PDB file of N, CA and C in Angstrom:
ATOM      1  N   UNK A   1      19.996 -20.060  16.215  1.00  0.00           N
ATOM      2  CA  UNK A   1      18.804 -20.062  15.386  1.00  0.00           C
ATOM      3  C   UNK A   1      17.747 -19.075  15.873  1.00  0.00           C
ATOM      4  N   UNK A   2      17.757 -18.791  17.160  1.00  0.00           N
ATOM      5  CA  UNK A   2      16.751 -17.872  17.685  1.00  0.00           C
ATOM      6  C   UNK A   2      16.972 -16.458  17.151  1.00  0.00           C
ATOM      7  N   UNK A   3      18.233 -16.135  16.871  1.00  0.00           N
ATOM      8  CA  UNK A   3      18.529 -14.807  16.330  1.00  0.00           C
ATOM      9  C   UNK A   3      17.942 -14.681  14.924  1.00  0.00           C
ATOM     10  N   UNK A   4      18.106 -15.705  14.108  1.00  0.00           N
ATOM     11  CA  UNK A   4      17.568 -15.676  12.750  1.00  0.00           C
ATOM     12  C   UNK A   4      16.044 -15.642  12.770  1.00  0.00           C
ATOM     13  N   UNK A   5      15.454 -16.406  13.660  1.00  0.00           N
ATOM     14  CA  UNK A   5      13.994 -16.414  13.794  1.00  0.00           C
ATOM     15  C   UNK A   5      13.470 -15.043  14.203  1.00  0.00           C
ATOM     16  N   UNK A   6      14.135 -14.412  15.152  1.00  0.00           N
ATOM     17  CA  UNK A   6      13.722 -13.089  15.606  1.00  0.00           C
ATOM     18  C   UNK A   6      13.913 -12.049  14.514  1.00  0.00           C
ATOM     19  N   UNK A   7      14.994 -12.159  13.758  1.00  0.00           N
ATOM     20  CA  UNK A   7      15.241 -11.237  12.648  1.00  0.00           C
ATOM     21  C   UNK A   7      14.152 -11.346  11.591  1.00  0.00           C
ATOM     22  N   UNK A   8      13.765 -12.549  11.246  1.00  0.00           N
ATOM     23  CA  UNK A   8      12.711 -12.748  10.242  1.00  0.00           C
ATOM     24  C   UNK A   8      11.378 -12.210  10.758  1.00  0.00           C
ATOM     25  N   UNK A   9      11.075 -12.442  12.035  1.00  0.00           N
ATOM     26  CA  UNK A   9       9.841 -11.893  12.612  1.00  0.00           C
ATOM     27  C   UNK A   9       9.846 -10.376  12.602  1.00  0.00           C
ATOM     28  N   UNK A  10      10.992  -9.775  12.895  1.00  0.00           N
ATOM     29  CA  UNK A  10      11.091  -8.312  12.883  1.00  0.00           C
ATOM     30  C   UNK A  10      10.886  -7.766  11.471  1.00  0.00           C
ATOM     31  N   UNK A  11      11.475  -8.415  10.480  1.00  0.00           N
ATOM     32  CA  UNK A  11      11.287  -7.994   9.092  1.00  0.00           C
ATOM     33  C   UNK A  11       9.823  -8.119   8.669  1.00  0.00           C
ATOM     34  N   UNK A  12       9.176  -9.192   9.094  1.00  0.00           N
ATOM     35  CA  UNK A  12       7.761  -9.376   8.769  1.00  0.00           C
ATOM     36  C   UNK A  12       6.915  -8.289   9.409  1.00  0.00           C
ATOM     37  N   UNK A  13       7.225  -7.955  10.640  1.00  0.00           N
ATOM     38  CA  UNK A  13       6.461  -6.919  11.344  1.00  0.00           C
ATOM     39  C   UNK A  13       6.667  -5.553  10.699  1.00  0.00           C
ATOM     40  N   UNK A  14       7.891  -5.238  10.299  1.00  0.00           N
ATOM     41  CA  UNK A  14       8.169  -3.963   9.628  1.00  0.00           C
ATOM     42  C   UNK A  14       7.462  -3.907   8.286  1.00  0.00           C
ATOM     43  N   UNK A  15       7.487  -4.999   7.533  1.00  0.00           N
ATOM     44  CA  UNK A  15       6.778  -5.040   6.255  1.00  0.00           C
ATOM     45  C   UNK A  15       5.287  -4.824   6.456  1.00  0.00           C
ATOM     46  N   UNK A  16       4.731  -5.432   7.489  1.00  0.00           N
ATOM     47  CA  UNK A  16       3.310  -5.251   7.795  1.00  0.00           C
ATOM     48  C   UNK A  16       2.995  -3.787   8.113  1.00  0.00           C
ATOM     49  N   UNK A  17       3.851  -3.145   8.891  1.00  0.00           N
ATOM     50  CA  UNK A  17       3.626  -1.734   9.236  1.00  0.00           C
ATOM     51  C   UNK A  17       3.722  -0.839   8.011  1.00  0.00           C
ATOM     52  N   UNK A  18       4.697  -1.084   7.145  1.00  0.00           N
ATOM     53  CA  UNK A  18       4.850  -0.270   5.930  1.00  0.00           C
ATOM     54  C   UNK A  18       3.635  -0.422   5.026  1.00  0.00           C
ATOM     55  N   UNK A  19       3.157  -1.640   4.858  1.00  0.00           N
ATOM     56  CA  UNK A  19       1.975  -1.878   4.028  1.00  0.00           C
ATOM     57  C   UNK A  19       0.759  -1.188   4.634  1.00  0.00           C
ATOM     58  N   UNK A  20       0.586  -1.283   5.939  1.00  0.00           N
ATOM     59  CA  UNK A  20      -0.558  -0.641   6.596  1.00  0.00           C
ATOM     60  C   UNK A  20      -0.513   0.876   6.440  1.00  0.00           C
ATOM     61  N   UNK A  21       0.649   1.460   6.607  1.00  0.00           N
ATOM     62  CA  UNK A  21       0.779   2.909   6.454  1.00  0.00           C
ATOM     63  C   UNK A  21       0.474   3.320   5.016  1.00  0.00           C
ATOM     64  N   UNK A  22       0.980   2.563   4.044  1.00  0.00           N
ATOM     65  CA  UNK A  22       0.730   2.929   2.646  1.00  0.00           C
ATOM     66  C   UNK A  22      -0.745   2.765   2.279  1.00  0.00           C
ATOM     67  N   UNK A  23      -1.403   1.789   2.867  1.00  0.00           N
ATOM     68  CA  UNK A  23      -2.850   1.651   2.631  1.00  0.00           C
ATOM     69  C   UNK A  23      -3.569   2.905   3.104  1.00  0.00           C
ATOM     70  N   UNK A  24      -3.190   3.418   4.272  1.00  0.00           N
ATOM     71  CA  UNK A  24      -3.817   4.650   4.769  1.00  0.00           C
ATOM     72  C   UNK A  24      -3.477   5.852   3.895  1.00  0.00           C
ATOM     73  N   UNK A  25      -2.264   5.884   3.354  1.00  0.00           N
ATOM     74  CA  UNK A  25      -1.893   6.976   2.441  1.00  0.00           C
ATOM     75  C   UNK A  25      -2.766   6.925   1.191  1.00  0.00           C
ATOM     76  N   UNK A  26      -2.996   5.738   0.660  1.00  0.00           N
ATOM     77  CA  UNK A  26      -3.852   5.593  -0.525  1.00  0.00           C
ATOM     78  C   UNK A  26      -5.282   6.012  -0.204  1.00  0.00           C
ATOM     79  N   UNK A  27      -5.794   5.607   0.946  1.00  0.00           N
ATOM     80  CA  UNK A  27      -7.158   5.975   1.335  1.00  0.00           C
ATOM     81  C   UNK A  27      -7.283   7.489   1.490  1.00  0.00           C
ATOM     82  N   UNK A  28      -6.351   8.096   2.187  1.00  0.00           N
ATOM     83  CA  UNK A  28      -6.398   9.555   2.380  1.00  0.00           C
ATOM     84  C   UNK A  28      -6.240  10.272   1.050  1.00  0.00           C
ATOM     85  N   UNK A  29      -5.346   9.780   0.197  1.00  0.00           N
ATOM     86  CA  UNK A  29      -5.161  10.384  -1.121  1.00  0.00           C
ATOM     87  C   UNK A  29      -6.418  10.295  -1.971  1.00  0.00           C
ATOM     88  N   UNK A  30      -7.117   9.173  -1.893  1.00  0.00           N
ATOM     89  CA  UNK A  30      -8.357   9.024  -2.656  1.00  0.00           C
ATOM     90  C   UNK A  30      -9.447   9.934  -2.112  1.00  0.00           C
ATOM     91  N   UNK A  31      -9.549  10.026  -0.799  1.00  0.00           N
ATOM     92  CA  UNK A  31     -10.573  10.887  -0.197  1.00  0.00           C
ATOM     93  C   UNK A  31     -10.312  12.361  -0.482  1.00  0.00           C
ATOM     94  N   UNK A  32      -9.058  12.751  -0.505  1.00  0.00           N
ATOM     95  CA  UNK A  32      -8.739  14.156  -0.703  1.00  0.00           C
ATOM     96  C   UNK A  32      -9.044  14.614  -2.131  1.00  0.00           C
ATOM     97  N   UNK A  33      -9.097  13.689  -3.081  1.00  0.00           N
ATOM     98  CA  UNK A  33      -9.430  14.078  -4.455  1.00  0.00           C
ATOM     99  C   UNK A  33     -10.898  14.454  -4.597  1.00  0.00           C
ATOM    100  N   UNK A  34     -11.720  14.054  -3.667  1.00  0.00           N
ATOM    101  CA  UNK A  34     -13.146  14.368  -3.742  1.00  0.00           C
ATOM    102  C   UNK A  34     -13.443  15.827  -3.427  1.00  0.00           C
ATOM    103  N   UNK A  35     -12.530  16.510  -2.727  1.00  0.00           N
ATOM    104  CA  UNK A  35     -12.808  17.877  -2.298  1.00  0.00           C
ATOM    105  C   UNK A  35     -12.081  18.928  -3.126  1.00  0.00           C
ATOM    106  N   UNK A  36     -11.379  18.525  -4.188  1.00  0.00           N
ATOM    107  CA  UNK A  36     -10.657  19.444  -5.059  1.00  0.00           C
ATOM    108  C   UNK A  36      -9.709  20.336  -4.248  1.00  0.00           C
ATOM    109  N   UNK A  37      -8.647  19.746  -3.691  1.00  0.00           N
ATOM    110  CA  UNK A  37      -7.755  20.495  -2.804  1.00  0.00           C
ATOM    111  C   UNK A  37      -6.842  21.448  -3.580  1.00  0.00           C
ATOM    112  N   UNK A  38      -6.213  22.338  -2.850  1.00  0.00           N
ATOM    113  CA  UNK A  38      -5.235  23.259  -3.415  1.00  0.00           C
ATOM    114  C   UNK A  38      -3.999  22.456  -3.846  1.00  0.00           C
ATOM    115  N   UNK A  39      -3.645  22.467  -5.140  1.00  0.00           N
ATOM    116  CA  UNK A  39      -2.505  21.654  -5.585  1.00  0.00           C
ATOM    117  C   UNK A  39      -1.160  22.132  -5.047  1.00  0.00           C
ATOM    118  N   UNK A  40      -1.106  23.333  -4.491  1.00  0.00           N
ATOM    119  CA  UNK A  40       0.146  23.853  -3.953  1.00  0.00           C
ATOM    120  C   UNK A  40       0.308  23.568  -2.460  1.00  0.00           C
ATOM    121  N   UNK A  41      -0.677  22.939  -1.857  1.00  0.00           N
ATOM    122  CA  UNK A  41      -0.593  22.552  -0.457  1.00  0.00           C
ATOM    123  C   UNK A  41       0.461  21.449  -0.324  1.00  0.00           C
ATOM    124  N   UNK A  42       1.410  21.608   0.614  1.00  0.00           N
ATOM    125  CA  UNK A  42       2.481  20.604   0.742  1.00  0.00           C
ATOM    126  C   UNK A  42       1.973  19.197   1.065  1.00  0.00           C
ATOM    127  N   UNK A  43       0.919  19.094   1.849  1.00  0.00           N
ATOM    128  CA  UNK A  43       0.380  17.773   2.185  1.00  0.00           C
ATOM    129  C   UNK A  43      -0.200  17.104   0.945  1.00  0.00           C
ATOM    130  N   UNK A  44      -0.910  17.872   0.142  1.00  0.00           N
ATOM    131  CA  UNK A  44      -1.486  17.343  -1.094  1.00  0.00           C
ATOM    132  C   UNK A  44      -0.373  16.914  -2.045  1.00  0.00           C
ATOM    133  N   UNK A  45       0.689  17.699  -2.138  1.00  0.00           N
ATOM    134  CA  UNK A  45       1.805  17.345  -3.013  1.00  0.00           C
ATOM    135  C   UNK A  45       2.485  16.063  -2.549  1.00  0.00           C
ATOM    136  N   UNK A  46       2.662  15.907  -1.241  1.00  0.00           N
ATOM    137  CA  UNK A  46       3.273  14.681  -0.715  1.00  0.00           C
ATOM    138  C   UNK A  46       2.395  13.472  -1.007  1.00  0.00           C
ATOM    139  N   UNK A  47       1.092  13.612  -0.776  1.00  0.00           N
ATOM    140  CA  UNK A  47       0.172  12.491  -1.045  1.00  0.00           C
ATOM    141  C   UNK A  47       0.195  12.114  -2.520  1.00  0.00           C
ATOM    142  N   UNK A  48       0.231  13.093  -3.392  1.00  0.00           N
ATOM    143  CA  UNK A  48       0.264  12.786  -4.836  1.00  0.00           C
ATOM    144  C   UNK A  48       1.575  12.133  -5.233  1.00  0.00           C
ATOM    145  N   UNK A  49       2.680  12.604  -4.662  1.00  0.00           N
ATOM    146  CA  UNK A  49       3.977  11.984  -4.977  1.00  0.00           C
ATOM    147  C   UNK A  49       4.043  10.544  -4.489  1.00  0.00           C
ATOM    148  N   UNK A  50       3.371  10.261  -3.401  1.00  0.00           N
ATOM    149  CA  UNK A  50       3.390   8.904  -2.860  1.00  0.00           C
ATOM    150  C   UNK A  50       2.435   7.957  -3.585  1.00  0.00           C
ATOM    151  N   UNK A  51       1.333   8.490  -4.098  1.00  0.00           N
ATOM    152  CA  UNK A  51       0.321   7.605  -4.684  1.00  0.00           C
ATOM    153  C   UNK A  51       0.354   7.533  -6.214  1.00  0.00           C
ATOM    154  N   UNK A  52       0.742   8.589  -6.873  1.00  0.00           N
ATOM    155  CA  UNK A  52       0.674   8.603  -8.336  1.00  0.00           C
ATOM    156  C   UNK A  52       1.519   7.523  -9.014  1.00  0.00           C
ATOM    157  N   UNK A  53       2.734   7.206  -8.527  1.00  0.00           N
ATOM    158  CA  UNK A  53       3.465   6.101  -9.182  1.00  0.00           C
ATOM    159  C   UNK A  53       2.722   4.771  -9.114  1.00  0.00           C
ATOM    160  N   UNK A  54       2.084   4.490  -7.994  1.00  0.00           N
ATOM    161  CA  UNK A  54       1.321   3.243  -7.878  1.00  0.00           C
ATOM    162  C   UNK A  54       0.094   3.280  -8.780  1.00  0.00           C
ATOM    163  N   UNK A  55      -0.584   4.433  -8.819  1.00  0.00           N
ATOM    164  CA  UNK A  55      -1.742   4.575  -9.712  1.00  0.00           C
ATOM    165  C   UNK A  55      -1.326   4.378 -11.163  1.00  0.00           C
ATOM    166  N   UNK A  56      -0.212   4.997 -11.562  1.00  0.00           N
ATOM    167  CA  UNK A  56       0.253   4.879 -12.951  1.00  0.00           C
ATOM    168  C   UNK A  56       0.597   3.428 -13.290  1.00  0.00           C
ATOM    169  N   UNK A  57       1.188   2.719 -12.344  1.00  0.00           N
ATOM    170  CA  UNK A  57       1.523   1.315 -12.580  1.00  0.00           C
ATOM    171  C   UNK A  57       0.266   0.483 -12.813  1.00  0.00           C
ATOM    172  N   UNK A  58      -0.754   0.694 -11.987  1.00  0.00           N
ATOM    173  CA  UNK A  58      -2.003  -0.061 -12.131  1.00  0.00           C
ATOM    174  C   UNK A  58      -2.714   0.336 -13.417  1.00  0.00           C
ATOM    175  N   UNK A  59      -2.759   1.630 -13.697  1.00  0.00           N
ATOM    176  CA  UNK A  59      -3.466   2.109 -14.896  1.00  0.00           C
ATOM    177  C   UNK A  59      -2.807   1.641 -16.189  1.00  0.00           C
ATOM    178  N   UNK A  60      -1.511   1.346 -16.133  1.00  0.00           N
ATOM    179  CA  UNK A  60      -0.818   0.873 -17.320  1.00  0.00           C
ATOM    180  C   UNK A  60      -1.329  -0.499 -17.746  1.00  0.00           C
ATOM    181  N   UNK A  61      -1.730  -1.324 -16.793  1.00  0.00           N
ATOM    182  CA  UNK A  61      -2.129  -2.697 -17.090  1.00  0.00           C
ATOM    183  C   UNK A  61      -3.633  -2.938 -17.022  1.00  0.00           C
ATOM    184  N   UNK A  62      -4.351  -2.133 -16.255  1.00  0.00           N
ATOM    185  CA  UNK A  62      -5.783  -2.359 -16.055  1.00  0.00           C
ATOM    186  C   UNK A  62      -6.533  -1.056 -16.298  1.00  0.00           C
ATOM    187  N   UNK A  63      -7.577  -1.081 -17.129  1.00  0.00           N
ATOM    188  CA  UNK A  63      -8.389   0.141 -17.256  1.00  0.00           C
ATOM    189  C   UNK A  63      -9.163   0.363 -15.950  1.00  0.00           C
ATOM    190  N   UNK A  64      -8.911   1.495 -15.305  1.00  0.00           N
ATOM    191  CA  UNK A  64      -9.477   1.711 -13.974  1.00  0.00           C
ATOM    192  C   UNK A  64     -10.640   2.684 -13.948  1.00  0.00           C
ATOM    193  N   UNK A  65     -10.886   3.394 -15.011  1.00  0.00           N
ATOM    194  CA  UNK A  65     -12.002   4.348 -15.034  1.00  0.00           C
ATOM    195  C   UNK A  65     -13.265   3.622 -15.486  1.00  0.00           C
ATOM    196  N   UNK A  66     -14.212   3.498 -14.587  1.00  0.00           N
ATOM    197  CA  UNK A  66     -15.489   2.852 -14.893  1.00  0.00           C
ATOM    198  C   UNK A  66     -16.590   3.793 -14.442  1.00  0.00           C
ATOM    199  N   UNK A  67     -17.314   4.334 -15.395  1.00  0.00           N
ATOM    200  CA  UNK A  67     -18.419   5.233 -15.071  1.00  0.00           C
ATOM    201  C   UNK A  67     -17.977   6.505 -14.367  1.00  0.00           C
ATOM    202  N   UNK A  68     -16.790   6.990 -14.679  1.00  0.00           N
ATOM    203  CA  UNK A  68     -16.295   8.198 -14.045  1.00  0.00           C
ATOM    204  C   UNK A  68     -15.673   7.984 -12.679  1.00  0.00           C
ATOM    205  N   UNK A  69     -15.588   6.752 -12.235  1.00  0.00           N
ATOM    206  CA  UNK A  69     -15.000   6.437 -10.936  1.00  0.00           C
ATOM    207  C   UNK A  69     -13.666   5.731 -11.181  1.00  0.00           C
ATOM    208  N   UNK A  70     -12.628   6.221 -10.527  1.00  0.00           N
ATOM    209  CA  UNK A  70     -11.305   5.621 -10.660  1.00  0.00           C
ATOM    210  C   UNK A  70     -11.164   4.498  -9.640  1.00  0.00           C
ATOM    211  N   UNK A  71     -10.960   3.294 -10.126  1.00  0.00           N
ATOM    212  CA  UNK A  71     -10.849   2.130  -9.250  1.00  0.00           C
ATOM    213  C   UNK A  71      -9.412   1.786  -8.882  1.00  0.00           C
ATOM    214  N   UNK A  72      -8.454   2.605  -9.310  1.00  0.00           N
ATOM    215  CA  UNK A  72      -7.047   2.330  -9.020  1.00  0.00           C
ATOM    216  C   UNK A  72      -6.769   2.227  -7.517  1.00  0.00           C
ATOM    217  N   UNK A  73      -7.293   3.132  -6.674  1.00  0.00           N
ATOM    218  CA  UNK A  73      -7.026   2.972  -5.236  1.00  0.00           C
ATOM    219  C   UNK A  73      -7.548   1.656  -4.666  1.00  0.00           C
ATOM    220  N   UNK A  74      -8.701   1.226  -5.123  1.00  0.00           N
ATOM    221  CA  UNK A  74      -9.263  -0.034  -4.622  1.00  0.00           C
ATOM    222  C   UNK A  74      -8.395  -1.212  -5.048  1.00  0.00           C
ATOM    223  N   UNK A  75      -7.935  -1.186  -6.294  1.00  0.00           N
ATOM    224  CA  UNK A  75      -7.078  -2.268  -6.797  1.00  0.00           C
ATOM    225  C   UNK A  75      -5.765  -2.298  -6.024  1.00  0.00           C
ATOM    226  N   UNK A  76      -5.215  -1.120  -5.751  1.00  0.00           N
ATOM    227  CA  UNK A  76      -3.963  -1.053  -4.994  1.00  0.00           C
ATOM    228  C   UNK A  76      -4.163  -1.571  -3.573  1.00  0.00           C
ATOM    229  N   UNK A  77      -5.247  -1.193  -2.935  1.00  0.00           N
ATOM    230  CA  UNK A  77      -5.512  -1.652  -1.564  1.00  0.00           C
ATOM    231  C   UNK A  77      -5.696  -3.169  -1.533  1.00  0.00           C
ATOM    232  N   UNK A  78      -6.417  -3.717  -2.494  1.00  0.00           N
ATOM    233  CA  UNK A  78      -6.596  -5.173  -2.545  1.00  0.00           C
ATOM    234  C   UNK A  78      -5.253  -5.865  -2.766  1.00  0.00           C
ATOM    235  N   UNK A  79      -4.440  -5.321  -3.661  1.00  0.00           N
ATOM    236  CA  UNK A  79      -3.113  -5.898  -3.893  1.00  0.00           C
ATOM    237  C   UNK A  79      -2.231  -5.838  -2.661  1.00  0.00           C
ATOM    238  N   UNK A  80      -2.264  -4.714  -1.966  1.00  0.00           N
ATOM    239  CA  UNK A  80      -1.469  -4.586  -0.745  1.00  0.00           C
ATOM    240  C   UNK A  80      -1.965  -5.522   0.352  1.00  0.00           C
ATOM    241  N   UNK A  81      -3.272  -5.686   0.444  1.00  0.00           N
ATOM    242  CA  UNK A  81      -3.816  -6.627   1.434  1.00  0.00           C
ATOM    243  C   UNK A  81      -3.380  -8.059   1.114  1.00  0.00           C
ATOM    244  N   UNK A  82      -3.368  -8.398  -0.178  1.00  0.00           N
ATOM    245  CA  UNK A  82      -2.915  -9.734  -0.573  1.00  0.00           C
ATOM    246  C   UNK A  82      -1.450  -9.933  -0.192  1.00  0.00           C
ATOM    247  N   UNK A  83      -0.608  -8.937  -0.502  1.00  0.00           N
ATOM    248  CA  UNK A  83       0.806  -9.036  -0.148  1.00  0.00           C
ATOM    249  C   UNK A  83       0.964  -9.145   1.362  1.00  0.00           C
ATOM    250  N   UNK A  84       0.184  -8.371   2.080  1.00  0.00           N
ATOM    251  CA  UNK A  84       0.259  -8.407   3.545  1.00  0.00           C
ATOM    252  C   UNK A  84      -0.117  -9.791   4.066  1.00  0.00           C
ATOM    253  N   UNK A  85      -1.213 -10.331   3.584  1.00  0.00           N
ATOM    254  CA  UNK A  85      -1.655 -11.644   4.068  1.00  0.00           C
ATOM    255  C   UNK A  85      -0.703 -12.752   3.642  1.00  0.00           C
ATOM    256  N   UNK A  86      -0.222 -12.686   2.421  1.00  0.00           N
ATOM    257  CA  UNK A  86       0.610 -13.768   1.894  1.00  0.00           C
ATOM    258  C   UNK A  86       2.050 -13.672   2.393  1.00  0.00           C
ATOM    259  N   UNK A  87       2.721 -12.577   2.094  1.00  0.00           N
ATOM    260  CA  UNK A  87       4.153 -12.470   2.380  1.00  0.00           C
ATOM    261  C   UNK A  87       4.436 -12.393   3.881  1.00  0.00           C
ATOM    262  N   UNK A  88       3.662 -11.610   4.592  1.00  0.00           N
ATOM    263  CA  UNK A  88       3.923 -11.462   6.023  1.00  0.00           C
ATOM    264  C   UNK A  88       3.652 -12.773   6.756  1.00  0.00           C
ATOM    265  N   UNK A  89       2.573 -13.428   6.442  1.00  0.00           N
ATOM    266  CA  UNK A  89       2.293 -14.715   7.098  1.00  0.00           C
ATOM    267  C   UNK A  89       3.326 -15.758   6.696  1.00  0.00           C
ATOM    268  N   UNK A  90       3.802 -15.691   5.455  1.00  0.00           N
ATOM    269  CA  UNK A  90       4.851 -16.601   5.026  1.00  0.00           C
ATOM    270  C   UNK A  90       6.136 -16.362   5.815  1.00  0.00           C
ATOM    271  N   UNK A  91       6.474 -15.101   6.042  1.00  0.00           N
ATOM    272  CA  UNK A  91       7.661 -14.790   6.835  1.00  0.00           C
ATOM    273  C   UNK A  91       7.504 -15.249   8.286  1.00  0.00           C
ATOM    274  N   UNK A  92       6.320 -15.039   8.859  1.00  0.00           N
ATOM    275  CA  UNK A  92       6.088 -15.519  10.227  1.00  0.00           C
ATOM    276  C   UNK A  92       6.173 -17.036  10.306  1.00  0.00           C
ATOM    277  N   UNK A  93       5.646 -17.731   9.306  1.00  0.00           N
ATOM    278  CA  UNK A  93       5.735 -19.188   9.293  1.00  0.00           C
ATOM    279  C   UNK A  93       7.184 -19.650   9.160  1.00  0.00           C
ATOM    280  N   UNK A  94       7.935 -18.929   8.345  1.00  0.00           N
ATOM    281  CA  UNK A  94       9.352 -19.244   8.186  1.00  0.00           C
ATOM    282  C   UNK A  94      10.102 -19.033   9.494  1.00  0.00           C
ATOM    283  N   UNK A  95       9.774 -17.957  10.195  1.00  0.00           N
ATOM    284  CA  UNK A  95      10.423 -17.685  11.485  1.00  0.00           C
ATOM    285  C   UNK A  95      10.077 -18.759  12.520  1.00  0.00           C
ATOM    286  N   UNK A  96       8.841 -19.232  12.503  1.00  0.00           N
ATOM    287  CA  UNK A  96       8.441 -20.284  13.454  1.00  0.00           C
ATOM    288  C   UNK A  96       9.049 -21.632  13.119  1.00  0.00           C
ATOM    289  N   UNK A  97       9.476 -21.818  11.872  1.00  0.00           N
ATOM    290  CA  UNK A  97      10.082 -23.085  11.472  1.00  0.00           C
ATOM    291  C   UNK A  97      11.474 -23.256  12.053  1.00  0.00           C
ATOM    292  N   UNK A  98      12.127 -22.154  12.423  1.00  0.00           N
ATOM    293  CA  UNK A  98      13.489 -22.239  12.969  1.00  0.00           C
ATOM    294  C   UNK A  98      13.463 -22.599  14.409  1.00  0.00           C
TER     295      UNK A  98
END
């Protein structure tokens, strides 16, 4: 049982790290739009490829433009924080139950 418990804890920790990294990608992507970057810059292209699918998903269901400000990054960060708090803690609790 200790192997299963350790496996679940490892999965929870990896999920937490992935969510944290993606939150930083969203933050950096949102900040970089304020300076009107070169669209041919490889870093800008990578950030857009990583964030635009999530933005499009949120924009499909929720109007995010309010007063010229796009709230999609904030909604995504709140959603990711919820998943992090809920799913990761649930996995840790499950691992401790074994």
